[in-house]
PDB file of N, CA and C in Angstrom:
ATOM      1  N   MET A   1     -84.015   3.518-106.935  1.00  0.00           N
ATOM      2  CA  MET A   1     -85.364   3.475-106.381  1.00  0.00           C
ATOM      3  C   MET A   1     -86.230   4.477-107.157  1.00  0.00           C
ATOM      4  N   GLU A   2     -87.504   4.173-107.249  1.00  0.00           N
ATOM      5  CA  GLU A   2     -88.424   5.054-107.961  1.00  0.00           C
ATOM      6  C   GLU A   2     -88.499   6.403-107.245  1.00  0.00           C
ATOM      7  N   SER A   3     -88.929   7.407-107.987  1.00  0.00           N
ATOM      8  CA  SER A   3     -88.979   8.746-107.401  1.00  0.00           C
ATOM      9  C   SER A   3     -90.196   8.942-106.485  1.00  0.00           C
ATOM     10  N   LYS A   4     -91.227   8.140-106.661  1.00  0.00           N
ATOM     11  CA  LYS A   4     -92.387   8.329-105.786  1.00  0.00           C
ATOM     12  C   LYS A   4     -92.059   7.819-104.375  1.00  0.00           C
ATOM     13  N   PRO A   5     -92.652   8.445-103.359  1.00  0.00           N
ATOM     14  CA  PRO A   5     -92.258   8.164-101.977  1.00  0.00           C
ATOM     15  C   PRO A   5     -92.514   6.728-101.513  1.00  0.00           C
ATOM     16  N   VAL A   6     -93.630   6.124-101.905  1.00  0.00           N
ATOM     17  CA  VAL A   6     -93.934   4.760-101.476  1.00  0.00           C
ATOM     18  C   VAL A   6     -93.809   3.836-102.683  1.00  0.00           C
ATOM     19  N   VAL A   7     -92.962   2.822-102.550  1.00  0.00           N
ATOM     20  CA  VAL A   7     -92.697   1.905-103.651  1.00  0.00           C
ATOM     21  C   VAL A   7     -93.514   0.631-103.460  1.00  0.00           C
ATOM     22  N   HIS A   8     -94.210   0.218-104.507  1.00  0.00           N
ATOM     23  CA  HIS A   8     -94.926  -1.060-104.482  1.00  0.00           C
ATOM     24  C   HIS A   8     -93.956  -2.135-104.951  1.00  0.00           C
ATOM     25  N   LEU A   9     -93.703  -3.122-104.097  1.00  0.00           N
ATOM     26  CA  LEU A   9     -92.713  -4.150-104.393  1.00  0.00           C
ATOM     27  C   LEU A   9     -93.352  -5.488-104.697  1.00  0.00           C
ATOM     28  N   GLU A  10     -92.641  -6.253-105.507  1.00  0.00           N
ATOM     29  CA  GLU A  10     -92.953  -7.665-105.705  1.00  0.00           C
ATOM     30  C   GLU A  10     -92.000  -8.445-104.801  1.00  0.00           C
ATOM     31  N   GLY A  11     -92.369  -9.663-104.486  1.00  0.00           N
ATOM     32  CA  GLY A  11     -91.580 -10.490-103.581  1.00  0.00           C
ATOM     33  C   GLY A  11     -90.122 -10.640-103.986  1.00  0.00           C
ATOM     34  N   LYS A  12     -89.870 -10.719-105.288  1.00  0.00           N
ATOM     35  CA  LYS A  12     -88.501 -10.935-105.770  1.00  0.00           C
ATOM     36  C   LYS A  12     -87.570  -9.772-105.437  1.00  0.00           C
ATOM     37  N   ASP A  13     -88.126  -8.579-105.218  1.00  0.00           N
ATOM     38  CA  ASP A  13     -87.321  -7.385-104.930  1.00  0.00           C
ATOM     39  C   ASP A  13     -87.162  -7.118-103.432  1.00  0.00           C
ATOM     40  N   PHE A  14     -87.839  -7.915-102.600  1.00  0.00           N
ATOM     41  CA  PHE A  14     -87.882  -7.654-101.164  1.00  0.00           C
ATOM     42  C   PHE A  14     -86.488  -7.684-100.535  1.00  0.00           C
ATOM     43  N   GLU A  15     -85.726  -8.706-100.849  1.00  0.00           N
ATOM     44  CA  GLU A  15     -84.382  -8.866-100.277  1.00  0.00           C
ATOM     45  C   GLU A  15     -83.529  -7.624-100.541  1.00  0.00           C
ATOM     46  N   LYS A  16     -83.470  -7.217-101.802  1.00  0.00           N
ATOM     47  CA  LYS A  16     -82.628  -6.082-102.204  1.00  0.00           C
ATOM     48  C   LYS A  16     -83.152  -4.764-101.632  1.00  0.00           C
ATOM     49  N   GLU A  17     -84.435  -4.511-101.777  1.00  0.00           N
ATOM     50  CA  GLU A  17     -85.006  -3.213-101.415  1.00  0.00           C
ATOM     51  C   GLU A  17     -85.230  -3.017 -99.915  1.00  0.00           C
ATOM     52  N   VAL A  18     -85.480  -4.105 -99.192  1.00  0.00           N
ATOM     53  CA  VAL A  18     -85.794  -3.980 -97.763  1.00  0.00           C
ATOM     54  C   VAL A  18     -84.672  -4.543 -96.901  1.00  0.00           C
ATOM     55  N   LEU A  19     -84.368  -5.815 -97.055  1.00  0.00           N
ATOM     56  CA  LEU A  19     -83.407  -6.463 -96.160  1.00  0.00           C
ATOM     57  C   LEU A  19     -81.987  -5.935 -96.342  1.00  0.00           C
ATOM     58  N   GLN A  20     -81.629  -5.549 -97.572  1.00  0.00           N
ATOM     59  CA  GLN A  20     -80.281  -5.035 -97.820  1.00  0.00           C
ATOM     60  C   GLN A  20     -80.236  -3.509 -97.887  1.00  0.00           C
ATOM     61  N   SER A  21     -81.327  -2.865 -97.527  1.00  0.00           N
ATOM     62  CA  SER A  21     -81.400  -1.399 -97.596  1.00  0.00           C
ATOM     63  C   SER A  21     -80.392  -0.767 -96.634  1.00  0.00           C
ATOM     64  N   GLU A  22     -79.762   0.310 -97.095  1.00  0.00           N
ATOM     65  CA  GLU A  22     -78.806   1.065 -96.269  1.00  0.00           C
ATOM     66  C   GLU A  22     -79.531   1.884 -95.200  1.00  0.00           C
ATOM     67  N   ILE A  23     -80.791   2.212 -95.463  1.00  0.00           N
ATOM     68  CA  ILE A  23     -81.572   3.007 -94.516  1.00  0.00           C
ATOM     69  C   ILE A  23     -82.744   2.155 -94.013  1.00  0.00           C
ATOM     70  N   PRO A  24     -83.331   2.513 -92.859  1.00  0.00           N
ATOM     71  CA  PRO A  24     -84.484   1.746 -92.369  1.00  0.00           C
ATOM     72  C   PRO A  24     -85.599   1.691 -93.421  1.00  0.00           C
ATOM     73  N   ALA A  25     -86.362   0.625 -93.397  1.00  0.00           N
ATOM     74  CA  ALA A  25     -87.470   0.444 -94.337  1.00  0.00           C
ATOM     75  C   ALA A  25     -88.756   0.155 -93.572  1.00  0.00           C
ATOM     76  N   VAL A  26     -89.803   0.878 -93.951  1.00  0.00           N
ATOM     77  CA  VAL A  26     -91.135   0.651 -93.401  1.00  0.00           C
ATOM     78  C   VAL A  26     -91.906  -0.125 -94.459  1.00  0.00           C
ATOM     79  N   VAL A  27     -92.420  -1.302 -94.086  1.00  0.00           N
ATOM     80  CA  VAL A  27     -93.137  -2.145 -95.033  1.00  0.00           C
ATOM     81  C   VAL A  27     -94.595  -2.261 -94.615  1.00  0.00           C
ATOM     82  N   ASP A  28     -95.468  -1.885 -95.531  1.00  0.00           N
ATOM     83  CA  ASP A  28     -96.915  -1.963 -95.331  1.00  0.00           C
ATOM     84  C   ASP A  28     -97.418  -3.200 -96.066  1.00  0.00           C
ATOM     85  N   PHE A  29     -97.756  -4.245 -95.316  1.00  0.00           N
ATOM     86  CA  PHE A  29     -98.356  -5.448 -95.899  1.00  0.00           C
ATOM     87  C   PHE A  29     -99.857  -5.202 -95.963  1.00  0.00           C
ATOM     88  N   TYR A  30    -100.430  -5.270 -97.164  1.00  0.00           N
ATOM     89  CA  TYR A  30    -101.821  -4.880 -97.360  1.00  0.00           C
ATOM     90  C   TYR A  30    -102.472  -5.755 -98.439  1.00  0.00           C
ATOM     91  N   ALA A  31    -103.771  -5.525 -98.645  1.00  0.00           N
ATOM     92  CA  ALA A  31    -104.505  -6.083 -99.788  1.00  0.00           C
ATOM     93  C   ALA A  31    -105.508  -5.022-100.236  1.00  0.00           C
ATOM     94  N   ASP A  32    -105.805  -5.029-101.524  1.00  0.00           N
ATOM     95  CA  ASP A  32    -106.702  -4.010-102.090  1.00  0.00           C
ATOM     96  C   ASP A  32    -108.097  -4.031-101.472  1.00  0.00           C
ATOM     97  N   TRP A  33    -108.563  -5.204-101.058  1.00  0.00           N
ATOM     98  CA  TRP A  33    -109.931  -5.345-100.545  1.00  0.00           C
ATOM     99  C   TRP A  33    -110.058  -4.959 -99.062  1.00  0.00           C
ATOM    100  N   CYS A  34    -108.939  -4.671 -98.411  1.00  0.00           N
ATOM    101  CA  CYS A  34    -108.889  -4.478 -96.957  1.00  0.00           C
ATOM    102  C   CYS A  34    -109.207  -3.034 -96.572  1.00  0.00           C
ATOM    103  N   GLY A  35    -110.319  -2.819 -95.873  1.00  0.00           N
ATOM    104  CA  GLY A  35    -110.730  -1.486 -95.440  1.00  0.00           C
ATOM    105  C   GLY A  35    -109.706  -0.788 -94.547  1.00  0.00           C
ATOM    106  N   PRO A  36    -109.263  -1.426 -93.444  1.00  0.00           N
ATOM    107  CA  PRO A  36    -108.256  -0.791 -92.591  1.00  0.00           C
ATOM    108  C   PRO A  36    -106.959  -0.473 -93.351  1.00  0.00           C
ATOM    109  N   CYS A  37    -106.621  -1.284 -94.356  1.00  0.00           N
ATOM    110  CA  CYS A  37    -105.428  -1.012 -95.171  1.00  0.00           C
ATOM    111  C   CYS A  37    -105.588   0.314 -95.904  1.00  0.00           C
ATOM    112  N   ARG A  38    -106.792   0.556 -96.397  1.00  0.00           N
ATOM    113  CA  ARG A  38    -107.057   1.815 -97.106  1.00  0.00           C
ATOM    114  C   ARG A  38    -107.004   3.001 -96.147  1.00  0.00           C
ATOM    115  N   MET A  39    -107.320   2.764 -94.867  1.00  0.00           N
ATOM    116  CA  MET A  39    -107.234   3.826 -93.866  1.00  0.00           C
ATOM    117  C   MET A  39    -105.773   4.174 -93.562  1.00  0.00           C
ATOM    118  N   VAL A  40    -104.910   3.177 -93.542  1.00  0.00           N
ATOM    119  CA  VAL A  40    -103.493   3.368 -93.212  1.00  0.00           C
ATOM    120  C   VAL A  40    -102.731   3.989 -94.382  1.00  0.00           C
ATOM    121  N   SER A  41    -103.153   3.713 -95.592  1.00  0.00           N
ATOM    122  CA  SER A  41    -102.414   4.132 -96.779  1.00  0.00           C
ATOM    123  C   SER A  41    -102.065   5.629 -96.811  1.00  0.00           C
ATOM    124  N   PRO A  42    -103.034   6.549 -96.569  1.00  0.00           N
ATOM    125  CA  PRO A  42    -102.669   7.974 -96.597  1.00  0.00           C
ATOM    126  C   PRO A  42    -101.698   8.358 -95.483  1.00  0.00           C
ATOM    127  N   VAL A  43    -101.765   7.663 -94.344  1.00  0.00           N
ATOM    128  CA  VAL A  43    -100.839   7.924 -93.237  1.00  0.00           C
ATOM    129  C   VAL A  43     -99.423   7.554 -93.673  1.00  0.00           C
ATOM    130  N   ILE A  44     -99.290   6.393 -94.315  1.00  0.00           N
ATOM    131  CA  ILE A  44     -97.984   5.933 -94.796  1.00  0.00           C
ATOM    132  C   ILE A  44     -97.464   6.888 -95.874  1.00  0.00           C
ATOM    133  N   GLU A  45     -98.347   7.311 -96.774  1.00  0.00           N
ATOM    134  CA  GLU A  45     -97.951   8.270 -97.824  1.00  0.00           C
ATOM    135  C   GLU A  45     -97.411   9.552 -97.199  1.00  0.00           C
ATOM    136  N   SER A  46     -98.115  10.070 -96.214  1.00  0.00           N
ATOM    137  CA  SER A  46     -97.714  11.308 -95.548  1.00  0.00           C
ATOM    138  C   SER A  46     -96.364  11.143 -94.844  1.00  0.00           C
ATOM    139  N   LEU A  47     -96.204  10.042 -94.124  1.00  0.00           N
ATOM    140  CA  LEU A  47     -94.935   9.785 -93.426  1.00  0.00           C
ATOM    141  C   LEU A  47     -93.786   9.626 -94.422  1.00  0.00           C
ATOM    142  N   SER A  48     -94.073   9.037 -95.583  1.00  0.00           N
ATOM    143  CA  SER A  48     -93.028   8.818 -96.579  1.00  0.00           C
ATOM    144  C   SER A  48     -92.471  10.154 -97.081  1.00  0.00           C
ATOM    145  N   LYS A  49     -93.331  11.152 -97.147  1.00  0.00           N
ATOM    146  CA  LYS A  49     -92.874  12.483 -97.567  1.00  0.00           C
ATOM    147  C   LYS A  49     -92.053  13.132 -96.448  1.00  0.00           C
ATOM    148  N   GLU A  50     -92.529  12.966 -95.226  1.00  0.00           N
ATOM    149  CA  GLU A  50     -91.851  13.560 -94.071  1.00  0.00           C
ATOM    150  C   GLU A  50     -90.440  12.980 -93.881  1.00  0.00           C
ATOM    151  N   TYR A  51     -90.303  11.681 -94.120  1.00  0.00           N
ATOM    152  CA  TYR A  51     -89.029  11.000 -93.881  1.00  0.00           C
ATOM    153  C   TYR A  51     -88.260  10.712 -95.172  1.00  0.00           C
ATOM    154  N   GLN A  52     -88.643  11.359 -96.254  1.00  0.00           N
ATOM    155  CA  GLN A  52     -88.024  11.098 -97.556  1.00  0.00           C
ATOM    156  C   GLN A  52     -86.503  11.252 -97.482  1.00  0.00           C
ATOM    157  N   GLY A  53     -85.803  10.243 -98.008  1.00  0.00           N
ATOM    158  CA  GLY A  53     -84.352  10.251 -98.001  1.00  0.00           C
ATOM    159  C   GLY A  53     -83.742   9.616 -96.761  1.00  0.00           C
ATOM    160  N   LYS A  54     -84.548   9.517 -95.680  1.00  0.00           N
ATOM    161  CA  LYS A  54     -84.043   8.936 -94.431  1.00  0.00           C
ATOM    162  C   LYS A  54     -84.558   7.522 -94.204  1.00  0.00           C
ATOM    163  N   VAL A  55     -85.773   7.267 -94.705  1.00  0.00           N
ATOM    164  CA  VAL A  55     -86.440   5.978 -94.517  1.00  0.00           C
ATOM    165  C   VAL A  55     -87.082   5.581 -95.841  1.00  0.00           C
ATOM    166  N   LYS A  56     -87.003   4.299 -96.156  1.00  0.00           N
ATOM    167  CA  LYS A  56     -87.632   3.773 -97.373  1.00  0.00           C
ATOM    168  C   LYS A  56     -89.023   3.252 -97.003  1.00  0.00           C
ATOM    169  N   PHE A  57     -90.022   3.584 -97.811  1.00  0.00           N
ATOM    170  CA  PHE A  57     -91.399   3.119 -97.571  1.00  0.00           C
ATOM    171  C   PHE A  57     -91.809   2.195 -98.704  1.00  0.00           C
ATOM    172  N   VAL A  58     -92.306   1.024 -98.324  1.00  0.00           N
ATOM    173  CA  VAL A  58     -92.602  -0.033 -99.283  1.00  0.00           C
ATOM    174  C   VAL A  58     -93.973  -0.618 -98.975  1.00  0.00           C
ATOM    175  N   LYS A  59     -94.719  -0.951-100.028  1.00  0.00           N
ATOM    176  CA  LYS A  59     -95.999  -1.652 -99.870  1.00  0.00           C
ATOM    177  C   LYS A  59     -95.874  -3.025-100.532  1.00  0.00           C
ATOM    178  N   ILE A  60     -96.386  -4.040 -99.846  1.00  0.00           N
ATOM    179  CA  ILE A  60     -96.407  -5.399-100.388  1.00  0.00           C
ATOM    180  C   ILE A  60     -97.854  -5.889-100.357  1.00  0.00           C
ATOM    181  N   ASN A  61     -98.386  -6.203-101.527  1.00  0.00           N
ATOM    182  CA  ASN A  61     -99.738  -6.764-101.606  1.00  0.00           C
ATOM    183  C   ASN A  61     -99.642  -8.245-101.240  1.00  0.00           C
ATOM    184  N   THR A  62    -100.264  -8.623-100.117  1.00  0.00           N
ATOM    185  CA  THR A  62    -100.151  -9.997 -99.631  1.00  0.00           C
ATOM    186  C   THR A  62    -100.859 -10.999-100.542  1.00  0.00           C
ATOM    187  N   ASP A  63    -101.874 -10.533-101.277  1.00  0.00           N
ATOM    188  CA  ASP A  63    -102.555 -11.433-102.220  1.00  0.00           C
ATOM    189  C   ASP A  63    -101.632 -11.793-103.384  1.00  0.00           C
ATOM    190  N   ASP A  64    -100.834 -10.821-103.821  1.00  0.00           N
ATOM    191  CA  ASP A  64     -99.930 -11.039-104.955  1.00  0.00           C
ATOM    192  C   ASP A  64     -98.597 -11.650-104.543  1.00  0.00           C
ATOM    193  N   ASN A  65     -98.262 -11.564-103.259  1.00  0.00           N
ATOM    194  CA  ASN A  65     -96.964 -12.032-102.765  1.00  0.00           C
ATOM    195  C   ASN A  65     -97.117 -12.885-101.510  1.00  0.00           C
ATOM    196  N   PRO A  66     -97.847 -14.014-101.625  1.00  0.00           N
ATOM    197  CA  PRO A  66     -98.111 -14.817-100.426  1.00  0.00           C
ATOM    198  C   PRO A  66     -96.842 -15.389 -99.790  1.00  0.00           C
ATOM    199  N   GLU A  67     -95.793 -15.598-100.585  1.00  0.00           N
ATOM    200  CA  GLU A  67     -94.569 -16.182-100.032  1.00  0.00           C
ATOM    201  C   GLU A  67     -93.885 -15.221 -99.046  1.00  0.00           C
ATOM    202  N   ILE A  68     -93.935 -13.925 -99.335  1.00  0.00           N
ATOM    203  CA  ILE A  68     -93.353 -12.931 -98.415  1.00  0.00           C
ATOM    204  C   ILE A  68     -94.217 -12.826 -97.161  1.00  0.00           C
ATOM    205  N   ALA A  69     -95.531 -12.801 -97.353  1.00  0.00           N
ATOM    206  CA  ALA A  69     -96.448 -12.739 -96.211  1.00  0.00           C
ATOM    207  C   ALA A  69     -96.221 -13.935 -95.294  1.00  0.00           C
ATOM    208  N   GLU A  70     -96.032 -15.106 -95.893  1.00  0.00           N
ATOM    209  CA  GLU A  70     -95.813 -16.319 -95.105  1.00  0.00           C
ATOM    210  C   GLU A  70     -94.469 -16.257 -94.378  1.00  0.00           C
ATOM    211  N   LYS A  71     -93.442 -15.802 -95.074  1.00  0.00           N
ATOM    212  CA  LYS A  71     -92.099 -15.722 -94.482  1.00  0.00           C
ATOM    213  C   LYS A  71     -92.091 -14.867 -93.218  1.00  0.00           C
ATOM    214  N   PHE A  72     -92.890 -13.792 -93.205  1.00  0.00           N
ATOM    215  CA  PHE A  72     -92.920 -12.896 -92.057  1.00  0.00           C
ATOM    216  C   PHE A  72     -94.146 -13.099 -91.173  1.00  0.00           C
ATOM    217  N   ASN A  73     -94.819 -14.245 -91.331  1.00  0.00           N
ATOM    218  CA  ASN A  73     -95.962 -14.613 -90.498  1.00  0.00           C
ATOM    219  C   ASN A  73     -97.030 -13.531 -90.443  1.00  0.00           C
ATOM    220  N   ILE A  74     -97.374 -12.998 -91.618  1.00  0.00           N
ATOM    221  CA  ILE A  74     -98.426 -11.984 -91.686  1.00  0.00           C
ATOM    222  C   ILE A  74     -99.767 -12.720 -91.651  1.00  0.00           C
ATOM    223  N   MET A  75    -100.457 -12.600 -90.517  1.00  0.00           N
ATOM    224  CA  MET A  75    -101.733 -13.287 -90.335  1.00  0.00           C
ATOM    225  C   MET A  75    -102.912 -12.335 -90.522  1.00  0.00           C
ATOM    226  N   SER A  76    -102.685 -11.057 -90.249  1.00  0.00           N
ATOM    227  CA  SER A  76    -103.725 -10.030 -90.370  1.00  0.00           C
ATOM    228  C   SER A  76    -103.130  -8.835 -91.087  1.00  0.00           C
ATOM    229  N   ILE A  77    -103.975  -8.151 -91.825  1.00  0.00           N
ATOM    230  CA  ILE A  77    -103.524  -6.937 -92.494  1.00  0.00           C
ATOM    231  C   ILE A  77    -104.446  -5.789 -92.116  1.00  0.00           C
ATOM    232  N   PRO A  78    -103.958  -4.565 -92.126  1.00  0.00           N
ATOM    233  CA  PRO A  78    -102.581  -4.228 -92.447  1.00  0.00           C
ATOM    234  C   PRO A  78    -101.609  -4.631 -91.335  1.00  0.00           C
ATOM    235  N   THR A  79    -100.409  -5.012 -91.725  1.00  0.00           N
ATOM    236  CA  THR A  79     -99.299  -5.182 -90.795  1.00  0.00           C
ATOM    237  C   THR A  79     -98.200  -4.252 -91.292  1.00  0.00           C
ATOM    238  N   ILE A  80     -97.748  -3.378 -90.416  1.00  0.00           N
ATOM    239  CA  ILE A  80     -96.680  -2.430 -90.750  1.00  0.00           C
ATOM    240  C   ILE A  80     -95.448  -2.875 -89.977  1.00  0.00           C
ATOM    241  N   MET A  81     -94.368  -3.140 -90.725  1.00  0.00           N
ATOM    242  CA  MET A  81     -93.126  -3.573 -90.084  1.00  0.00           C
ATOM    243  C   MET A  81     -92.012  -2.588 -90.403  1.00  0.00           C
ATOM    244  N   VAL A  82     -91.159  -2.362 -89.406  1.00  0.00           N
ATOM    245  CA  VAL A  82     -89.986  -1.508 -89.601  1.00  0.00           C
ATOM    246  C   VAL A  82     -88.757  -2.413 -89.578  1.00  0.00           C
ATOM    247  N   PHE A  83     -87.966  -2.336 -90.655  1.00  0.00           N
ATOM    248  CA  PHE A  83     -86.741  -3.118 -90.782  1.00  0.00           C
ATOM    249  C   PHE A  83     -85.534  -2.188 -90.735  1.00  0.00           C
ATOM    250  N   LYS A  84     -84.464  -2.677 -90.137  1.00  0.00           N
ATOM    251  CA  LYS A  84     -83.190  -1.950 -90.163  1.00  0.00           C
ATOM    252  C   LYS A  84     -82.078  -2.988 -90.266  1.00  0.00           C
ATOM    253  N   LYS A  85     -81.250  -2.837 -91.293  1.00  0.00           N
ATOM    254  CA  LYS A  85     -80.134  -3.764 -91.538  1.00  0.00           C
ATOM    255  C   LYS A  85     -80.618  -5.214 -91.561  1.00  0.00           C
ATOM    256  N   GLY A  86     -81.782  -5.444 -92.182  1.00  0.00           N
ATOM    257  CA  GLY A  86     -82.300  -6.796 -92.342  1.00  0.00           C
ATOM    258  C   GLY A  86     -83.040  -7.358 -91.148  1.00  0.00           C
ATOM    259  N   GLU A  87     -83.082  -6.615 -90.056  1.00  0.00           N
ATOM    260  CA  GLU A  87     -83.753  -7.079 -88.838  1.00  0.00           C
ATOM    261  C   GLU A  87     -85.106  -6.384 -88.681  1.00  0.00           C
ATOM    262  N   VAL A  88     -86.070  -7.115 -88.130  1.00  0.00           N
ATOM    263  CA  VAL A  88     -87.381  -6.530 -87.833  1.00  0.00           C
ATOM    264  C   VAL A  88     -87.269  -5.792 -86.498  1.00  0.00           C
ATOM    265  N   LEU A  89     -87.493  -4.484 -86.523  1.00  0.00           N
ATOM    266  CA  LEU A  89     -87.447  -3.693 -85.285  1.00  0.00           C
ATOM    267  C   LEU A  89     -88.818  -3.592 -84.637  1.00  0.00           C
ATOM    268  N   SER A  90     -89.872  -3.509 -85.463  1.00  0.00           N
ATOM    269  CA  SER A  90     -91.219  -3.438 -84.893  1.00  0.00           C
ATOM    270  C   SER A  90     -92.239  -3.984 -85.873  1.00  0.00           C
ATOM    271  N   ARG A  91     -93.361  -4.402 -85.306  1.00  0.00           N
ATOM    272  CA  ARG A  91     -94.475  -4.946 -86.080  1.00  0.00           C
ATOM    273  C   ARG A  91     -95.754  -4.403 -85.467  1.00  0.00           C
ATOM    274  N   THR A  92     -96.570  -3.770 -86.304  1.00  0.00           N
ATOM    275  CA  THR A  92     -97.851  -3.235 -85.863  1.00  0.00           C
ATOM    276  C   THR A  92     -98.936  -3.883 -86.702  1.00  0.00           C
ATOM    277  N   VAL A  93     -99.894  -4.514 -86.037  1.00  0.00           N
ATOM    278  CA  VAL A  93    -100.991  -5.150 -86.748  1.00  0.00           C
ATOM    279  C   VAL A  93    -102.233  -4.291 -86.573  1.00  0.00           C
ATOM    280  N   GLY A  94    -102.888  -3.977 -87.689  1.00  0.00           N
ATOM    281  CA  GLY A  94    -104.077  -3.139 -87.653  1.00  0.00           C
ATOM    282  C   GLY A  94    -103.714  -1.683 -87.886  1.00  0.00           C
ATOM    283  N   ALA A  95    -104.723  -0.887 -88.156  1.00  0.00           N
ATOM    284  CA  ALA A  95    -104.514   0.540 -88.422  1.00  0.00           C
ATOM    285  C   ALA A  95    -104.198   1.261 -87.118  1.00  0.00           C
ATOM    286  N   GLY A  96    -103.219   2.156 -87.188  1.00  0.00           N
ATOM    287  CA  GLY A  96    -102.850   2.931 -86.003  1.00  0.00           C
ATOM    288  C   GLY A  96    -102.668   4.387 -86.382  1.00  0.00           C
ATOM    289  N   PRO A  97    -102.524   5.251 -85.369  1.00  0.00           N
ATOM    290  CA  PRO A  97    -102.337   6.677 -85.636  1.00  0.00           C
ATOM    291  C   PRO A  97    -100.916   6.966 -86.135  1.00  0.00           C
ATOM    292  N   ALA A  98    -100.778   8.062 -86.857  1.00  0.00           N
ATOM    293  CA  ALA A  98     -99.471   8.450 -87.401  1.00  0.00           C
ATOM    294  C   ALA A  98     -98.421   8.558 -86.303  1.00  0.00           C
ATOM    295  N   ALA A  99     -98.798   9.090 -85.142  1.00  0.00           N
ATOM    296  CA  ALA A  99     -97.842   9.292 -84.045  1.00  0.00           C
ATOM    297  C   ALA A  99     -97.190   7.970 -83.627  1.00  0.00           C
ATOM    298  N   MET A 100     -97.956   6.894 -83.634  1.00  0.00           N
ATOM    299  CA  MET A 100     -97.410   5.585 -83.259  1.00  0.00           C
ATOM    300  C   MET A 100     -96.368   5.138 -84.275  1.00  0.00           C
ATOM    301  N   TYR A 101     -96.670   5.284 -85.564  1.00  0.00           N
ATOM    302  CA  TYR A 101     -95.712   4.895 -86.602  1.00  0.00           C
ATOM    303  C   TYR A 101     -94.468   5.770 -86.526  1.00  0.00           C
ATOM    304  N   LYS A 102     -94.663   7.076 -86.279  1.00  0.00           N
ATOM    305  CA  LYS A 102     -93.529   7.999 -86.171  1.00  0.00           C
ATOM    306  C   LYS A 102     -92.596   7.576 -85.044  1.00  0.00           C
ATOM    307  N   GLN A 103     -93.170   7.185 -83.917  1.00  0.00           N
ATOM    308  CA  GLN A 103     -92.375   6.754 -82.765  1.00  0.00           C
ATOM    309  C   GLN A 103     -91.501   5.563 -83.155  1.00  0.00           C
ATOM    310  N   ARG A 104     -92.058   4.627 -83.896  1.00  0.00           N
ATOM    311  CA  ARG A 104     -91.303   3.426 -84.293  1.00  0.00           C
ATOM    312  C   ARG A 104     -90.247   3.752 -85.351  1.00  0.00           C
ATOM    313  N   ILE A 105     -90.589   4.676 -86.240  1.00  0.00           N
ATOM    314  CA  ILE A 105     -89.630   5.095 -87.265  1.00  0.00           C
ATOM    315  C   ILE A 105     -88.474   5.850 -86.614  1.00  0.00           C
ATOM    316  N   ASP A 106     -88.803   6.757 -85.693  1.00  0.00           N
ATOM    317  CA  ASP A 106     -87.766   7.524 -85.004  1.00  0.00           C
ATOM    318  C   ASP A 106     -86.836   6.588 -84.217  1.00  0.00           C
ATOM    319  N   ALA A 107     -87.387   5.546 -83.612  1.00  0.00           N
ATOM    320  CA  ALA A 107     -86.566   4.572 -82.885  1.00  0.00           C
ATOM    321  C   ALA A 107     -85.591   3.885 -83.841  1.00  0.00           C
ATOM    322  N   ALA A 108     -86.043   3.609 -85.065  1.00  0.00           N
ATOM    323  CA  ALA A 108     -85.177   2.958 -86.062  1.00  0.00           C
ATOM    324  C   ALA A 108     -84.059   3.890 -86.518  1.00  0.00           C
ATOM    325  N   LEU A 109     -84.321   5.187 -86.493  1.00  0.00           N
ATOM    326  CA  LEU A 109     -83.325   6.161 -86.939  1.00  0.00           C
ATOM    327  C   LEU A 109     -82.270   6.448 -85.860  1.00  0.00           C
ATOM    328  N   ASN A 110     -82.555   6.109 -84.618  1.00  0.00           N
ATOM    329  CA  ASN A 110     -81.608   6.388 -83.521  1.00  0.00           C
ATOM    330  C   ASN A 110     -80.699   5.216 -83.249  1.00  0.00           C
TER     331      ASN A 110
END
């Protein structure tokens, strides 16, 4: 995995990096033109540093990877999903506070 905390993925890497990940993965489905996505981005960056080594943080551009967005029924962005052992543990649509994401990440770690 890259050394930077949040990895930008292409659809072809999703299976390996997220679904087969040994540790929980937080996936930020976003688009460059999306205002709320830009609001969530620094929160995700900050959380990625806090949970480094324990949780994988991934961004998927829905414009560039429509097949992944379709597979997970992403209708609105940002959508933040937490995966563990290939299963979706939580889905948050829209920008939310860091505390809410932390609660969902902590649940995935327990």
